């Protein structure tokens, strides 16, 4: 697959600190349309911190994040996010479908029910991850691997422009792992993917670029020529 040079995300001079400890130091990085950007590095090297800054979950100490659509800077993009750790309390009275549909909340009008089209999106996302029979099940009844699949469906349900994945295979069922990578490969035909992993052997053939981060960007490998970070 050939990359276009249309940029979607630009990270410029981003630094971050936790309690005066440096987490990120002057990160410059451009993410392109239909990029499959794999980010690796040591534990504590800032991989997840960079994702959280891009997502607007952490304010950088300095620098900025810019988003682009069709060559024009825009205030935000439709981003699907699969975090490394599940933050949903399994005791909370939610069904699997309700968890997945929360990925559409930005599209839902206040105090309105989901439309039939949105409900169909939820059904399709559940089917994509093999949970089509679990929609009405309480989230607390799922296994850890099934929960990870439900959270992946939540990240996919809005048909995002950008898909951000933090160690997506950490808790996934072994039998689903191959299918998960097939989903990523198919989505990458139309969707930009940013994936953090400390193990690249299963994605290095899919990744268009590999970035190593340890507080700052240490190295980058490009499959395609003519692209710089």
Protein backbone atom coordinates (compact mmCIF):
# COMPACT_ATOMS: atom_id res chain seq x y z
CA UNK A 1 0.00 0.00 0.00
CA UNK A 2 1.34 3.41 -0.93
CA UNK A 3 0.98 6.20 1.54
CA UNK A 4 -0.34 9.56 0.52
CA UNK A 5 1.48 12.61 1.84
CA UNK A 6 -1.71 14.10 3.24
CA UNK A 7 -1.10 14.66 6.92
CA UNK A 8 -3.82 13.93 9.46
CA UNK A 9 -2.06 14.62 12.77
CA UNK A 10 0.95 16.78 13.47
CA UNK A 11 2.75 16.63 16.81
CA UNK A 12 5.00 19.66 17.19
CA UNK A 13 7.50 20.14 20.01
CA UNK A 14 5.45 18.22 22.57
CA UNK A 15 6.93 17.81 26.05
CA UNK A 16 5.23 16.36 29.13
CA UNK A 17 6.14 16.03 32.79
CA UNK A 18 4.71 14.14 35.77
CA UNK A 19 5.73 15.64 39.12
CA UNK A 20 8.79 17.21 37.49
CA UNK A 21 9.79 13.90 35.91
CA UNK A 22 10.17 14.08 32.14
CA UNK A 23 7.70 11.80 30.32
CA UNK A 24 8.09 13.22 26.80
CA UNK A 25 10.77 15.55 25.50
CA UNK A 26 10.29 17.65 22.36
CA UNK A 27 8.37 15.13 20.25
CA UNK A 28 7.92 16.00 16.57
CA UNK A 29 5.87 13.50 14.59
CA UNK A 30 3.55 13.60 11.58
CA UNK A 31 0.86 10.97 11.03
CA UNK A 32 -0.34 10.61 7.44
CA UNK A 33 -3.57 9.50 5.81
CA UNK A 34 -3.88 5.69 5.92
CA UNK A 35 -0.66 5.44 7.88
CA UNK A 36 -0.21 2.35 10.04
CA UNK A 37 2.12 3.83 12.60
CA UNK A 38 3.53 1.39 15.14
CA UNK A 39 5.00 2.93 18.28
CA UNK A 40 7.35 0.89 20.44
CA UNK A 41 9.85 1.49 23.21
CA UNK A 42 10.68 0.49 26.78
CA UNK A 43 8.22 0.51 29.66
CA UNK A 44 7.97 4.05 30.98
CA UNK A 45 9.31 5.45 27.73
CA UNK A 46 6.23 7.60 27.07
CA UNK A 47 4.29 5.55 24.51
CA UNK A 48 0.92 5.73 26.29
CA UNK A 49 1.59 9.32 27.38
CA UNK A 50 2.00 10.35 23.74
CA UNK A 51 -1.30 8.70 22.83
CA UNK A 52 -3.06 10.47 25.69
CA UNK A 53 -1.68 13.84 24.60
CA UNK A 54 -2.85 13.22 21.02
CA UNK A 55 -6.30 12.26 22.33
CA UNK A 56 -6.50 15.42 24.44
CA UNK A 57 -6.59 13.43 27.69
CA UNK A 58 -3.36 15.03 28.92
CA UNK A 59 -2.31 18.65 28.35
CA UNK A 60 1.30 18.91 27.15
CA UNK A 61 3.79 21.02 29.06
CA UNK A 62 4.73 22.59 25.73
CA UNK A 63 4.07 22.08 22.04
CA UNK A 64 0.81 21.40 20.21
CA UNK A 65 -1.24 18.78 18.41
CA UNK A 66 -2.84 19.75 15.09
CA UNK A 67 -5.47 17.81 13.13
CA UNK A 68 -6.11 17.93 9.38
CA UNK A 69 -8.82 16.81 7.00
CA UNK A 70 -8.42 17.20 3.23
CA UNK A 71 -5.39 19.39 3.78
CA UNK A 72 -7.24 21.84 6.04
CA UNK A 73 -6.57 22.19 9.77
CA UNK A 74 -9.63 21.23 11.83
CA UNK A 75 -10.31 21.37 15.59
CA UNK A 76 -10.76 17.61 15.97
CA UNK A 77 -11.06 14.28 14.14
CA UNK A 78 -13.30 11.28 14.73
CA UNK A 79 -10.92 9.07 16.72
CA UNK A 80 -11.64 5.57 18.02
CA UNK A 81 -9.58 4.58 21.06
CA UNK A 82 -8.83 1.24 22.64
CA UNK A 83 -6.99 1.84 25.94
CA UNK A 84 -4.47 -0.58 27.33
CA UNK A 85 -6.43 -1.10 30.54
CA UNK A 86 -10.16 -1.53 30.94
CA UNK A 87 -11.62 1.33 32.96
CA UNK A 88 -15.20 0.03 33.07
CA UNK A 89 -16.37 -1.25 36.44
CA UNK A 90 -17.81 -4.70 35.70
CA UNK A 91 -20.30 -4.18 38.55
CA UNK A 92 -21.91 -1.26 36.76
CA UNK A 93 -25.32 -2.26 35.34
CA UNK A 94 -24.56 -1.93 31.64
CA UNK A 95 -25.18 -4.33 28.79
CA UNK A 96 -22.53 -5.08 26.20
CA UNK A 97 -24.53 -3.16 23.57
CA UNK A 98 -24.68 -0.11 25.85
CA UNK A 99 -20.91 -0.16 26.30
CA UNK A 100 -20.37 -0.37 22.54
CA UNK A 101 -22.96 2.33 21.82
CA UNK A 102 -21.08 4.72 24.13
CA UNK A 103 -18.64 5.03 21.23
CA UNK A 104 -21.39 6.94 19.41
CA UNK A 105 -22.17 9.44 22.15
CA UNK A 106 -20.59 12.31 20.23
CA UNK A 107 -23.06 11.66 17.41
CA UNK A 108 -26.10 11.29 19.66
CA UNK A 109 -28.33 14.28 20.30
CA UNK A 110 -28.84 15.18 23.93
CA UNK A 111 -31.84 13.40 25.50
CA UNK A 112 -32.55 11.55 22.25
CA UNK A 113 -32.49 7.81 21.72
CA UNK A 114 -30.07 6.24 19.30
CA UNK A 115 -31.40 6.14 15.75
CA UNK A 116 -32.08 2.84 13.96
CA UNK A 117 -28.97 3.54 11.86
CA UNK A 118 -26.84 3.93 14.98
CA UNK A 119 -28.31 0.77 16.48
CA UNK A 120 -27.34 -1.04 13.29
CA UNK A 121 -23.78 0.30 13.65
CA UNK A 122 -23.64 -1.24 17.12
CA UNK A 123 -24.88 -4.58 15.81
CA UNK A 124 -22.28 -4.54 13.02
CA UNK A 125 -19.47 -3.70 15.45
CA UNK A 126 -20.50 -6.55 17.76
CA UNK A 127 -20.60 -8.95 14.83
CA UNK A 128 -17.17 -7.79 13.68
CA UNK A 129 -15.62 -8.86 16.98
CA UNK A 130 -17.70 -12.01 17.36
CA UNK A 131 -19.98 -10.79 20.14
CA UNK A 132 -23.23 -10.59 18.19
CA UNK A 133 -24.91 -13.00 20.64
CA UNK A 134 -23.81 -11.03 23.71
CA UNK A 135 -25.42 -7.65 23.11
CA UNK A 136 -27.97 -7.95 25.92
CA UNK A 137 -25.58 -9.60 28.38
CA UNK A 138 -24.44 -7.62 31.43
CA UNK A 139 -20.89 -6.37 30.92
CA UNK A 140 -19.91 -8.00 34.22
CA UNK A 141 -20.65 -11.45 32.79
CA UNK A 142 -17.94 -11.21 30.14
CA UNK A 143 -14.53 -12.80 30.46
CA UNK A 144 -11.48 -10.56 30.30
CA UNK A 145 -10.91 -11.42 26.64
CA UNK A 146 -14.55 -10.80 25.75
CA UNK A 147 -14.41 -7.45 27.53
CA UNK A 148 -11.41 -6.46 25.40
CA UNK A 149 -13.40 -7.37 22.29
CA UNK A 150 -16.33 -5.25 23.49
CA UNK A 151 -14.00 -2.29 24.01
CA UNK A 152 -12.56 -2.83 20.55
CA UNK A 153 -16.11 -2.77 19.15
CA UNK A 154 -16.66 0.52 20.99
CA UNK A 155 -13.55 1.95 19.31
CA UNK A 156 -14.76 0.78 15.88
CA UNK A 157 -18.47 1.57 16.07
CA UNK A 158 -18.24 5.18 14.86
CA UNK A 159 -16.20 4.21 11.76
CA UNK A 160 -13.37 6.47 12.97
CA UNK A 161 -11.01 8.43 10.78
CA UNK A 162 -8.19 7.56 13.18
CA UNK A 163 -7.95 4.36 15.20
CA UNK A 164 -5.69 4.54 18.27
CA UNK A 165 -4.76 1.24 19.89
CA UNK A 166 -2.72 0.86 23.09
CA UNK A 167 -1.35 -2.69 23.45
CA UNK A 168 -4.52 -4.16 21.89
CA UNK A 169 -3.43 -7.79 22.29
CA UNK A 170 -2.72 -7.52 26.03
CA UNK A 171 -5.99 -9.05 27.21
CA UNK A 172 -7.54 -10.41 24.04
CA UNK A 173 -8.51 -14.07 23.68
CA UNK A 174 -5.80 -16.09 21.97
CA UNK A 175 -8.30 -17.50 19.47
CA UNK A 176 -9.44 -13.97 18.53
CA UNK A 177 -5.99 -12.43 18.17
CA UNK A 178 -5.51 -13.45 14.53
CA UNK A 179 -8.97 -12.13 13.66
CA UNK A 180 -8.15 -8.85 15.40
CA UNK A 181 -5.14 -8.27 13.18
CA UNK A 182 -7.24 -9.10 10.12
CA UNK A 183 -9.67 -6.36 11.21
CA UNK A 184 -6.80 -3.87 11.53
CA UNK A 185 -5.42 -4.79 8.11
CA UNK A 186 -8.81 -4.33 6.46
CA UNK A 187 -9.54 -1.06 8.27
CA UNK A 188 -6.19 0.38 7.29
CA UNK A 189 -7.38 0.52 3.67
CA UNK A 190 -9.45 3.56 4.63
CA UNK A 191 -8.43 4.41 8.20
CA UNK A 192 -5.26 5.79 9.77
CA UNK A 193 -4.02 3.53 12.57
CA UNK A 194 -1.71 4.35 15.47
CA UNK A 195 -0.78 1.26 17.47
CA UNK A 196 1.41 1.03 20.58
CA UNK A 197 3.06 -2.31 21.27
CA UNK A 198 6.19 -3.59 22.95
CA UNK A 199 6.05 -6.66 20.69
CA UNK A 200 6.15 -5.87 16.98
CA UNK A 201 6.64 -9.32 15.49
CA UNK A 202 2.92 -9.68 14.69
CA UNK A 203 2.42 -6.22 13.18
CA UNK A 204 5.72 -5.28 11.58
CA UNK A 205 4.54 -6.54 8.19
CA UNK A 206 1.40 -4.39 8.43
CA UNK A 207 3.03 -1.25 9.78
CA UNK A 208 4.00 1.40 7.26
CA UNK A 209 6.27 3.06 9.82
CA UNK A 210 7.75 2.06 13.16
CA UNK A 211 8.71 4.69 15.74
CA UNK A 212 10.76 3.94 18.84
CA UNK A 213 10.17 6.30 21.75
CA UNK A 214 12.09 6.63 24.98
CA UNK A 215 11.10 10.08 26.27
CA UNK A 216 12.03 11.40 22.81
CA UNK A 217 11.89 9.80 19.37
CA UNK A 218 14.95 7.60 19.05
CA UNK A 219 14.47 6.12 15.63
CA UNK A 220 11.96 5.60 12.87
CA UNK A 221 11.73 2.99 10.15
CA UNK A 222 9.78 3.68 6.95
CA UNK A 223 8.47 1.14 4.51
CA UNK A 224 7.66 3.86 2.04
CA UNK A 225 10.16 6.32 0.64
CA UNK A 226 9.71 10.06 0.63
CA UNK A 227 8.07 10.40 4.04
CA UNK A 228 9.75 12.05 6.96
CA UNK A 229 8.63 12.38 10.55
